[in-house]
Amino acid sequence: MDRALLVLAAAFGLVGVAAGAFGAHALRARVPPERLASFETGARYLMYGAFALFTVEWFRAAGPDQVAESWAGVLLAAGTVAFSGSLFALALTGRRRWGALTPVGGVLLLAGWALLVVAALTAPLRFDLLR
């Protein structure tokens, strides 16, 4: 799973930067400001998701794998896809039904961050990752 989360983190970063550029340049003249704001929020949270998954892997590399870290990664990945994806779909299509998925993604993100707090409280204090 280590490589999968790292690849997903890098992909989130790549798509987040691309989405930010797309929103700033291609969408600005094509969608109303409120939908553009939703798109920008989706891109921003996609970048947050990238950093969160890198953090999960940082904790996992620091010591023995813990359940909290593994579940944090799963929930953060799923929450990022649901939250950002629903905002992208809402902004691009204008169909408000996509907005129903956004809070589900938000709850998954909150749960993932909460488990990352648990991991921070229980992980060994050995972070010599610059070996």
Protein backbone atom coordinates (compact mmCIF):
# COMPACT_ATOMS: atom_id res chain seq x y z
CA MET A 1 0.00 0.00 0.00
CA ASP A 2 2.97 2.34 0.51
CA ARG A 3 3.55 2.84 -3.17
CA ALA A 4 -0.17 3.12 -3.94
CA LEU A 5 -0.66 6.02 -1.53
CA LEU A 6 2.51 7.74 -2.74
CA VAL A 7 1.42 7.40 -6.37
CA LEU A 8 -2.05 8.67 -5.46
CA ALA A 9 -0.54 11.60 -3.54
CA ALA A 10 1.60 12.55 -6.52
CA ALA A 11 -1.38 12.14 -8.88
CA PHE A 12 -3.53 14.36 -6.64
CA GLY A 13 -0.81 17.01 -6.76
CA LEU A 14 -0.49 16.75 -10.53
CA VAL A 15 -4.23 16.97 -11.13
CA GLY A 16 -4.58 19.72 -8.51
CA VAL A 17 -2.07 21.96 -10.26
CA ALA A 18 -3.60 21.19 -13.67
CA ALA A 19 -7.11 21.85 -12.36
CA GLY A 20 -6.02 25.14 -10.82
CA ALA A 21 -4.52 26.27 -14.11
CA PHE A 22 -7.56 25.06 -16.05
CA GLY A 23 -9.90 26.91 -13.71
CA ALA A 24 -7.87 30.12 -13.82
CA HIS A 25 -7.45 30.20 -17.59
CA ALA A 26 -10.02 28.08 -19.44
CA LEU A 27 -13.06 28.22 -17.16
CA ARG A 28 -13.00 31.85 -16.07
CA ALA A 29 -14.87 33.04 -19.18
CA ARG A 30 -17.10 29.97 -19.48
CA VAL A 31 -18.77 29.42 -16.11
CA PRO A 32 -20.48 31.74 -13.65
CA PRO A 33 -18.39 33.01 -10.72
CA GLU A 34 -20.11 30.79 -8.12
CA ARG A 35 -19.35 27.65 -10.15
CA LEU A 36 -15.77 28.83 -10.71
CA ALA A 37 -15.43 29.27 -6.94
CA SER A 38 -16.59 25.67 -6.46
CA PHE A 39 -14.04 24.47 -9.01
CA GLU A 40 -11.26 26.40 -7.27
CA THR A 41 -12.26 24.89 -3.91
CA GLY A 42 -12.10 21.43 -5.46
CA ALA A 43 -8.60 22.10 -6.82
CA ARG A 44 -7.43 23.47 -3.46
CA TYR A 45 -8.73 20.45 -1.55
CA LEU A 46 -7.16 18.12 -4.09
CA MET A 47 -3.81 19.68 -3.19
CA TYR A 48 -4.62 19.32 0.52
CA GLY A 49 -5.32 15.65 -0.18
CA ALA A 50 -1.92 15.26 -1.83
CA PHE A 51 -0.16 16.70 1.20
CA ALA A 52 -2.28 14.60 3.55
CA LEU A 53 -1.36 11.35 1.80
CA PHE A 54 2.33 12.27 1.83
CA THR A 55 1.94 12.90 5.57
CA VAL A 56 0.34 9.49 6.07
CA GLU A 57 3.29 7.86 4.33
CA TRP A 58 5.70 9.92 6.40
CA PHE A 59 4.11 8.51 9.57
CA ARG A 60 4.17 4.99 8.14
CA ALA A 61 7.87 5.29 7.26
CA ALA A 62 8.71 6.48 10.77
CA GLY A 63 7.79 3.26 12.49
CA PRO A 64 5.70 0.14 12.48
CA ASP A 65 2.52 0.31 10.43
CA GLN A 66 -0.46 1.20 12.56
CA VAL A 67 -4.14 0.72 11.88
CA ALA A 68 -4.86 4.44 12.35
CA GLU A 69 -2.37 5.42 9.65
CA SER A 70 -3.68 2.88 7.15
CA TRP A 71 -7.29 3.90 7.64
CA ALA A 72 -6.34 7.57 7.60
CA GLY A 73 -4.85 7.07 4.14
CA VAL A 74 -7.92 5.26 2.83
CA LEU A 75 -10.36 7.80 4.24
CA LEU A 76 -8.31 10.80 3.10
CA ALA A 77 -8.01 9.39 -0.42
CA ALA A 78 -11.71 8.54 -0.68
CA GLY A 79 -12.74 11.85 0.87
CA THR A 80 -10.55 13.84 -1.49
CA VAL A 81 -11.95 12.06 -4.54
CA ALA A 82 -15.55 12.50 -3.36
CA PHE A 83 -15.16 16.11 -2.19
CA SER A 84 -13.07 17.49 -5.04
CA GLY A 85 -14.66 15.30 -7.68
CA SER A 86 -18.17 16.39 -6.76
CA LEU A 87 -17.15 20.06 -6.83
CA PHE A 88 -15.49 19.61 -10.23
CA ALA A 89 -18.60 17.87 -11.58
CA LEU A 90 -20.86 20.56 -10.12
CA ALA A 91 -18.77 23.36 -11.61
CA LEU A 92 -18.40 21.77 -15.04
CA THR A 93 -21.98 20.52 -15.49
CA GLY A 94 -24.00 22.96 -13.40
CA ARG A 95 -26.04 20.01 -12.10
CA ARG A 96 -26.67 20.67 -8.44
CA ARG A 97 -27.19 16.98 -7.64
CA TRP A 98 -23.40 16.61 -7.54
CA GLY A 99 -23.44 18.84 -4.48
CA ALA A 100 -25.07 16.00 -2.51
CA LEU A 101 -21.78 14.07 -2.63
CA THR A 102 -19.67 16.95 -1.34
CA PRO A 103 -20.64 16.60 2.35
CA VAL A 104 -19.97 12.85 2.20
CA GLY A 105 -16.46 13.63 0.99
CA GLY A 106 -16.12 16.22 3.74
CA VAL A 107 -17.06 13.71 6.43
CA LEU A 108 -14.55 11.20 5.02
CA LEU A 109 -11.87 13.91 5.07
CA LEU A 110 -12.67 14.80 8.67
CA ALA A 111 -12.49 11.14 9.69
CA GLY A 112 -9.17 10.73 7.88
CA TRP A 113 -7.68 13.79 9.55
CA ALA A 114 -8.97 12.59 12.94
CA LEU A 115 -7.20 9.26 12.44
CA LEU A 116 -4.06 11.16 11.47
CA VAL A 117 -4.30 12.91 14.84
CA VAL A 118 -4.51 9.48 16.49
CA ALA A 119 -1.46 8.39 14.49
CA ALA A 120 0.42 11.51 15.60
CA LEU A 121 -0.38 10.75 19.22
CA THR A 122 0.60 7.07 19.02
CA ALA A 123 3.44 6.97 16.48
CA PRO A 124 6.98 6.49 17.68
CA LEU A 125 8.90 9.76 17.97
CA ARG A 126 11.54 8.58 15.52
CA PHE A 127 11.40 10.67 12.36
CA ASP A 128 14.91 10.25 11.01
CA LEU A 129 13.71 10.04 7.43
CA LEU A 130 16.80 11.76 6.02
CA ARG A 131 18.97 8.65 6.25
